Amino acid sequence: MFFGFDGVDMRVDDALGFARDKGILIFAAMANGGIYDKAAWPARESKDAIGIHSCTEMGKKSSNFTPMPVDRNPNFMVIGEQIIAHWPTAKRGGFRDAEGTSFATPVAVTMAALILAFVNQTRCQKLREECEEKVKVKELWQNWGMTSVGEDQREADRPLFMDQSHAALGDVSGGRRGGHA
């Protein structure tokens, strides 16, 4: 979901429950209001979706517009700035740089798809077995299972940064001060 709500929308909540029951992963943009804005629903509820924050190129720091980490939730952060996007003709068309948690979210979805494709392949059996020693592969099809990837390498206050070239530990607040969402 490249969008979110201030509060729970019951129709969307029902759809999320249906998706969860069918083993469909849901990723949702956290919001673009910065540290003073609350993270959007459903991104702030780990049972409903995997919330995605935005960081600068190579995960060096959180984007100024991404909210503070959500307490007691996995907080994933992926590149969400300088994303090349094609704009519709009605909006002057062409390619432009875009930014936002709504642009970070499809990057995270793509990374999750690559993880699932890897663990479901029959080739590279040795690597797959090594992966299965660290992660319960069947659980990757649930929000809580996918968020467990890298869990043994991070602390509660240091979320997992992810971008197109690596995953590394980092601080979602990017050195900013303020309360948690």
Protein backbone atom coordinates (compact mmCIF):
# COMPACT_ATOMS: atom_id res chain seq x y z
CA MET A 1 0.00 0.00 0.00
CA PHE A 2 1.49 3.28 -1.09
CA PHE A 3 -0.89 5.20 1.17
CA GLY A 4 -2.24 5.12 4.69
CA PHE A 5 -4.93 6.50 6.96
CA ASP A 6 -5.03 8.47 10.20
CA GLY A 7 -7.29 5.84 11.76
CA VAL A 8 -8.53 2.35 11.05
CA ASP A 9 -10.73 1.97 7.96
CA MET A 10 -12.95 -1.06 8.60
CA ARG A 11 -13.28 -2.04 4.91
CA VAL A 12 -9.51 -1.98 4.49
CA ASP A 13 -9.09 -3.78 7.83
CA ASP A 14 -11.37 -6.57 6.58
CA ALA A 15 -9.37 -6.82 3.35
CA LEU A 16 -6.10 -6.96 5.31
CA GLY A 17 -7.50 -9.76 7.48
CA PHE A 18 -8.49 -11.69 4.35
CA ALA A 19 -5.00 -11.20 2.87
CA ARG A 20 -3.36 -12.26 6.14
CA ASP A 21 -5.48 -15.45 6.24
CA LYS A 22 -4.40 -16.26 2.66
CA GLY A 23 -0.69 -15.75 3.41
CA ILE A 24 -0.42 -12.55 1.38
CA LEU A 25 2.25 -10.13 2.57
CA ILE A 26 1.18 -6.51 2.97
CA PHE A 27 3.66 -3.64 2.91
CA ALA A 28 2.52 -0.11 3.72
CA ALA A 29 4.06 3.36 3.58
CA MET A 30 4.66 4.90 7.02
CA ALA A 31 3.88 8.57 6.10
CA ASN A 32 5.78 11.64 4.95
CA GLY A 33 5.06 14.10 7.77
CA GLY A 34 8.43 13.76 9.51
CA ILE A 35 9.11 13.19 13.18
CA TYR A 36 6.12 15.20 14.38
CA ASP A 37 3.56 13.22 12.37
CA LYS A 38 2.20 9.88 13.52
CA ALA A 39 2.89 6.88 11.29
CA ALA A 40 -0.08 6.00 9.10
CA TRP A 41 -2.39 3.04 9.59
CA PRO A 42 -1.99 0.19 8.66
CA ALA A 43 1.81 0.66 8.53
CA ARG A 44 1.97 1.30 12.28
CA GLU A 45 0.24 -2.03 13.09
CA SER A 46 2.56 -4.99 12.52
CA LYS A 47 -0.34 -7.45 12.50
CA ASP A 48 -1.81 -5.61 9.50
CA ALA A 49 1.22 -4.65 7.43
CA ILE A 50 4.98 -4.32 7.27
CA GLY A 51 5.57 -0.60 7.73
CA ILE A 52 8.18 0.99 5.48
CA HIS A 53 10.25 4.06 6.35
CA SER A 54 12.44 5.93 3.86
CA CYS A 55 16.17 6.54 3.93
CA THR A 56 18.65 8.38 1.76
CA GLU A 57 20.83 6.68 -0.81
CA MET A 58 22.79 3.73 0.60
CA GLY A 59 20.91 3.91 3.90
CA LYS A 60 23.23 6.50 5.42
CA LYS A 61 20.40 8.30 7.24
CA SER A 62 16.65 8.39 7.47
CA SER A 63 14.78 10.74 5.16
CA ASN A 64 13.71 13.99 6.80
CA PHE A 65 10.08 13.23 5.97
CA THR A 66 9.93 9.71 7.45
CA PRO A 67 8.26 9.41 10.88
CA MET A 68 10.00 8.20 14.01
CA PRO A 69 10.12 4.43 14.59
CA VAL A 70 6.96 2.82 15.89
CA ASP A 71 7.49 1.27 19.32
CA ARG A 72 7.16 -2.52 19.58
CA ASN A 73 7.03 -2.89 15.78
CA PRO A 74 9.60 -3.96 13.23
CA ASN A 75 10.73 -0.75 11.52
CA PHE A 76 12.08 -1.33 8.03
CA MET A 77 13.76 1.42 6.10
CA VAL A 78 14.62 1.32 2.41
CA ILE A 79 15.77 3.84 -0.15
CA GLY A 80 12.95 6.32 -0.76
CA GLU A 81 14.73 9.31 -2.27
CA GLN A 82 15.90 9.99 -5.82
CA ILE A 83 13.67 7.22 -7.16
CA ILE A 84 13.32 7.62 -10.92
CA ALA A 85 9.62 7.63 -11.76
CA HIS A 86 7.72 8.08 -15.02
CA TRP A 87 4.95 10.64 -14.72
CA PRO A 88 1.69 10.61 -16.69
CA THR A 89 1.23 12.92 -19.67
CA ALA A 90 -1.44 14.85 -17.74
CA LYS A 91 1.31 15.81 -15.27
CA ARG A 92 3.82 16.90 -17.97
CA GLY A 93 5.03 13.31 -18.52
CA GLY A 94 8.64 12.19 -18.62
CA PHE A 95 10.99 10.90 -15.96
CA ARG A 96 11.58 12.71 -12.67
CA ASP A 97 13.13 12.06 -9.30
CA ALA A 98 10.53 11.16 -6.71
CA GLU A 99 10.67 10.65 -2.96
CA GLY A 100 8.52 9.42 -0.12
CA THR A 101 7.67 6.35 1.87
CA SER A 102 5.22 5.56 -0.95
CA PHE A 103 8.24 5.20 -3.24
CA ALA A 104 10.25 3.25 -0.65
CA THR A 105 7.41 0.73 -0.27
CA PRO A 106 7.68 -0.83 -3.77
CA VAL A 107 11.45 -1.13 -3.26
CA ALA A 108 10.77 -3.16 -0.09
CA VAL A 109 8.15 -5.26 -1.92
CA THR A 110 10.68 -6.04 -4.64
CA MET A 111 13.28 -7.08 -2.08
CA ALA A 112 10.77 -9.37 -0.35
CA ALA A 113 9.85 -10.90 -3.72
CA LEU A 114 13.54 -11.63 -4.34
CA ILE A 115 13.86 -13.26 -0.90
CA LEU A 116 10.81 -15.44 -1.58
CA ALA A 117 12.05 -16.34 -5.06
CA PHE A 118 15.41 -17.37 -3.59
CA VAL A 119 14.01 -19.58 -0.83
CA ASN A 120 11.56 -21.24 -3.22
CA GLN A 121 14.12 -22.22 -5.83
CA THR A 122 15.38 -25.76 -6.17
CA ARG A 123 18.86 -24.74 -7.32
CA CYS A 124 21.59 -23.69 -4.88
CA GLN A 125 20.42 -26.27 -2.35
CA LYS A 126 23.35 -25.65 0.01
CA LEU A 127 22.60 -21.92 0.26
CA ARG A 128 18.91 -22.67 0.76
CA GLU A 129 19.73 -25.05 3.62
CA GLU A 130 21.93 -22.38 5.24
CA CYS A 131 19.04 -19.94 4.93
CA GLU A 132 16.64 -22.43 6.51
CA GLU A 133 18.98 -22.71 9.52
CA LYS A 134 18.43 -19.00 10.24
CA VAL A 135 14.88 -18.38 9.02
CA LYS A 136 11.75 -20.52 9.03
CA VAL A 137 11.11 -20.37 5.29
CA LYS A 138 7.40 -21.22 5.48
CA GLU A 139 6.87 -18.29 7.85
CA LEU A 140 8.17 -15.81 5.26
CA TRP A 141 4.69 -15.79 3.74
CA GLN A 142 3.31 -14.00 6.84
CA ASN A 143 4.04 -10.38 7.81
CA TRP A 144 5.63 -11.46 11.11
CA GLY A 145 7.75 -14.07 9.33
CA MET A 146 9.14 -11.68 6.73
CA THR A 147 9.94 -9.12 9.42
CA SER A 148 12.01 -11.75 11.25
CA VAL A 149 14.61 -11.70 8.45
CA GLY A 150 17.75 -10.27 10.01
CA GLU A 151 16.18 -10.23 13.49
CA ASP A 152 19.20 -11.88 15.09
CA GLN A 153 21.37 -9.06 13.72
CA ARG A 154 19.43 -6.08 15.05
CA GLU A 155 18.43 -4.65 18.37
CA ALA A 156 14.95 -3.30 19.09
CA ASP A 157 16.12 0.30 18.72
CA ARG A 158 18.22 -0.32 15.62
CA PRO A 159 16.04 -1.29 12.68
CA LEU A 160 17.24 -3.02 9.56
CA PHE A 161 18.19 -0.65 6.74
CA MET A 162 17.65 -2.18 3.34
CA ASP A 163 18.49 -0.83 -0.09
CA GLN A 164 19.21 -2.25 -3.50
CA SER A 165 22.76 -3.29 -2.65
CA HIS A 166 22.87 -4.28 1.02
CA ALA A 167 21.18 -4.55 4.37
CA ALA A 168 22.78 -2.91 7.37
CA LEU A 169 21.92 -1.86 10.89
CA GLY A 170 20.94 1.71 11.42
CA ASP A 171 18.88 4.18 13.41
CA VAL A 172 15.56 5.18 11.84
CA SER A 173 15.73 8.52 13.63
CA GLY A 174 18.92 9.35 11.71
CA GLY A 175 20.22 11.28 14.69
CA ARG A 176 17.01 13.33 14.98
CA ARG A 177 15.40 13.93 18.32
CA GLY A 178 11.74 13.55 19.09
CA GLY A 179 9.13 11.19 20.43
CA HIS A 180 8.18 7.90 18.89
CA ALA A 181 5.02 7.58 16.83
